[in-house]
C-alpha atoms as a PDB file:
ATOM      1  CA  UNK A   1      11.309  -9.267  -1.915  1.00  0.00           C
ATOM      2  CA  UNK A   2      11.388 -13.011  -1.454  1.00  0.00           C
ATOM      3  CA  UNK A   3      13.181 -14.117   1.713  1.00  0.00           C
ATOM      4  CA  UNK A   4      12.869 -16.253   4.805  1.00  0.00           C
ATOM      5  CA  UNK A   5      12.475 -15.071   8.409  1.00  0.00           C
ATOM      6  CA  UNK A   6      16.116 -15.726   9.321  1.00  0.00           C
ATOM      7  CA  UNK A   7      17.509 -13.603   6.486  1.00  0.00           C
ATOM      8  CA  UNK A   8      15.047 -10.780   7.199  1.00  0.00           C
ATOM      9  CA  UNK A   9      16.075 -10.820  10.867  1.00  0.00           C
ATOM     10  CA  UNK A  10      19.701 -10.490   9.772  1.00  0.00           C
ATOM     11  CA  UNK A  11      18.816  -7.550   7.527  1.00  0.00           C
ATOM     12  CA  UNK A  12      16.980  -5.837  10.394  1.00  0.00           C
ATOM     13  CA  UNK A  13      19.963  -6.470  12.699  1.00  0.00           C
ATOM     14  CA  UNK A  14      22.319  -4.827  10.198  1.00  0.00           C
ATOM     15  CA  UNK A  15      20.057  -1.787   9.845  1.00  0.00           C
ATOM     16  CA  UNK A  16      19.526  -1.462  13.620  1.00  0.00           C
ATOM     17  CA  UNK A  17      23.269  -1.928  14.205  1.00  0.00           C
ATOM     18  CA  UNK A  18      24.313   0.944  11.913  1.00  0.00           C
ATOM     19  CA  UNK A  19      25.576  -1.472   9.279  1.00  0.00           C
ATOM     20  CA  UNK A  20      27.139  -4.135  11.517  1.00  0.00           C
ATOM     21  CA  UNK A  21      25.604  -7.322  12.916  1.00  0.00           C
ATOM     22  CA  UNK A  22      27.121 -10.449  14.435  1.00  0.00           C
ATOM     23  CA  UNK A  23      30.606  -8.947  14.077  1.00  0.00           C
ATOM     24  CA  UNK A  24      30.295  -8.407  10.310  1.00  0.00           C
ATOM     25  CA  UNK A  25      30.059  -4.954   8.729  1.00  0.00           C
ATOM     26  CA  UNK A  26      27.966  -4.873   5.555  1.00  0.00           C
ATOM     27  CA  UNK A  27      27.197  -1.146   5.323  1.00  0.00           C
ATOM     28  CA  UNK A  28      29.016   1.972   6.436  1.00  0.00           C
ATOM     29  CA  UNK A  29      27.256   3.774   9.310  1.00  0.00           C
ATOM     30  CA  UNK A  30      26.871   6.939   7.224  1.00  0.00           C
ATOM     31  CA  UNK A  31      25.121   4.902   4.497  1.00  0.00           C
ATOM     32  CA  UNK A  32      22.663   3.541   7.059  1.00  0.00           C
ATOM     33  CA  UNK A  33      22.080   7.059   8.409  1.00  0.00           C
ATOM     34  CA  UNK A  34      21.435   8.418   4.903  1.00  0.00           C
ATOM     35  CA  UNK A  35      19.014   5.599   4.156  1.00  0.00           C
ATOM     36  CA  UNK A  36      16.820   6.639   7.101  1.00  0.00           C
ATOM     37  CA  UNK A  37      16.297  10.255   5.999  1.00  0.00           C
ATOM     38  CA  UNK A  38      12.682  11.226   5.333  1.00  0.00           C
ATOM     39  CA  UNK A  39      11.894  14.411   3.423  1.00  0.00           C
ATOM     40  CA  UNK A  40       8.519  16.084   3.031  1.00  0.00           C
ATOM     41  CA  UNK A  41       8.445  14.716  -0.528  1.00  0.00           C
ATOM     42  CA  UNK A  42       8.578  11.178   0.898  1.00  0.00           C
ATOM     43  CA  UNK A  43       5.346  11.616   2.894  1.00  0.00           C
ATOM     44  CA  UNK A  44       2.490  10.284   0.737  1.00  0.00           C
ATOM     45  CA  UNK A  45      -1.113   9.250   1.215  1.00  0.00           C
ATOM     46  CA  UNK A  46      -1.636   5.505   0.730  1.00  0.00           C
ATOM     47  CA  UNK A  47      -5.062   4.942  -0.815  1.00  0.00           C
ATOM     48  CA  UNK A  48      -5.168   1.292   0.307  1.00  0.00           C
ATOM     49  CA  UNK A  49      -4.289   2.024   3.938  1.00  0.00           C
ATOM     50  CA  UNK A  50      -6.194   5.331   3.855  1.00  0.00           C
ATOM     51  CA  UNK A  51      -3.332   6.908   5.787  1.00  0.00           C
ATOM     52  CA  UNK A  52      -0.106   8.828   5.274  1.00  0.00           C
ATOM     53  CA  UNK A  53       3.115   6.868   4.924  1.00  0.00           C
ATOM     54  CA  UNK A  54       6.663   8.166   5.398  1.00  0.00           C
ATOM     55  CA  UNK A  55       9.040   6.118   3.280  1.00  0.00           C
ATOM     56  CA  UNK A  56      12.688   6.959   3.832  1.00  0.00           C
ATOM     57  CA  UNK A  57      15.465   7.051   1.258  1.00  0.00           C
ATOM     58  CA  UNK A  58      16.182   3.353   1.929  1.00  0.00           C
ATOM     59  CA  UNK A  59      12.620   2.396   0.986  1.00  0.00           C
ATOM     60  CA  UNK A  60      11.309   1.650   4.493  1.00  0.00           C
ATOM     61  CA  UNK A  61       8.451   3.345   6.304  1.00  0.00           C
ATOM     62  CA  UNK A  62       9.298   5.398   9.383  1.00  0.00           C
ATOM     63  CA  UNK A  63       6.530   5.147  11.979  1.00  0.00           C
ATOM     64  CA  UNK A  64       5.659   7.933  14.413  1.00  0.00           C
ATOM     65  CA  UNK A  65       2.956   8.771  16.932  1.00  0.00           C
ATOM     66  CA  UNK A  66       0.585  10.111  14.284  1.00  0.00           C
ATOM     67  CA  UNK A  67       0.622   7.135  11.928  1.00  0.00           C
ATOM     68  CA  UNK A  68      -2.044   4.556  11.308  1.00  0.00           C
ATOM     69  CA  UNK A  69       0.236   2.304  13.418  1.00  0.00           C
ATOM     70  CA  UNK A  70       0.965   4.811  16.204  1.00  0.00           C
ATOM     71  CA  UNK A  71       1.854   1.933  18.559  1.00  0.00           C
ATOM     72  CA  UNK A  72       4.938   1.285  16.374  1.00  0.00           C
ATOM     73  CA  UNK A  73       6.357   4.758  17.095  1.00  0.00           C
ATOM     74  CA  UNK A  74      10.120   4.832  16.531  1.00  0.00           C
ATOM     75  CA  UNK A  75      10.146   1.710  14.376  1.00  0.00           C
ATOM     76  CA  UNK A  76      11.319   1.437  10.774  1.00  0.00           C
ATOM     77  CA  UNK A  77      10.198  -1.242   8.305  1.00  0.00           C
ATOM     78  CA  UNK A  78       7.059  -2.468   6.582  1.00  0.00           C
ATOM     79  CA  UNK A  79       4.437  -5.195   6.370  1.00  0.00           C
ATOM     80  CA  UNK A  80       4.242  -8.039   3.880  1.00  0.00           C
ATOM     81  CA  UNK A  81       1.492 -10.147   2.392  1.00  0.00           C
ATOM     82  CA  UNK A  82       0.069 -12.703   4.790  1.00  0.00           C
ATOM     83  CA  UNK A  83       0.978 -10.845   7.968  1.00  0.00           C
ATOM     84  CA  UNK A  84       4.774 -10.819   7.759  1.00  0.00           C
ATOM     85  CA  UNK A  85       6.489  -7.820   9.348  1.00  0.00           C
ATOM     86  CA  UNK A  86      10.083  -6.554   9.116  1.00  0.00           C
ATOM     87  CA  UNK A  87      10.903  -3.760  11.578  1.00  0.00           C
ATOM     88  CA  UNK A  88      13.726  -2.456  13.685  1.00  0.00           C
ATOM     89  CA  UNK A  89      14.164   0.303  16.244  1.00  0.00           C
ATOM     90  CA  UNK A  90      16.169   3.406  15.309  1.00  0.00           C
END
């Protein structure tokens, strides 16, 4: 993905707001809910991070207490090159 911080913040706001942000609905709430489902098949070992990751159906990692980033428990998102981070609370 190639984006700027403002557009990524808007994306995170839409996802955290069940499809609506700033009075505009871009996704149906049920679509957002479906995109956050994680199945056992989605839990994989990342050989670079040397840890398990839990990517949901929407393509974002779901962090919990047992992750390599346990301090991000309850957050959804991922890291980018150079230290960028896109996350929201579910």
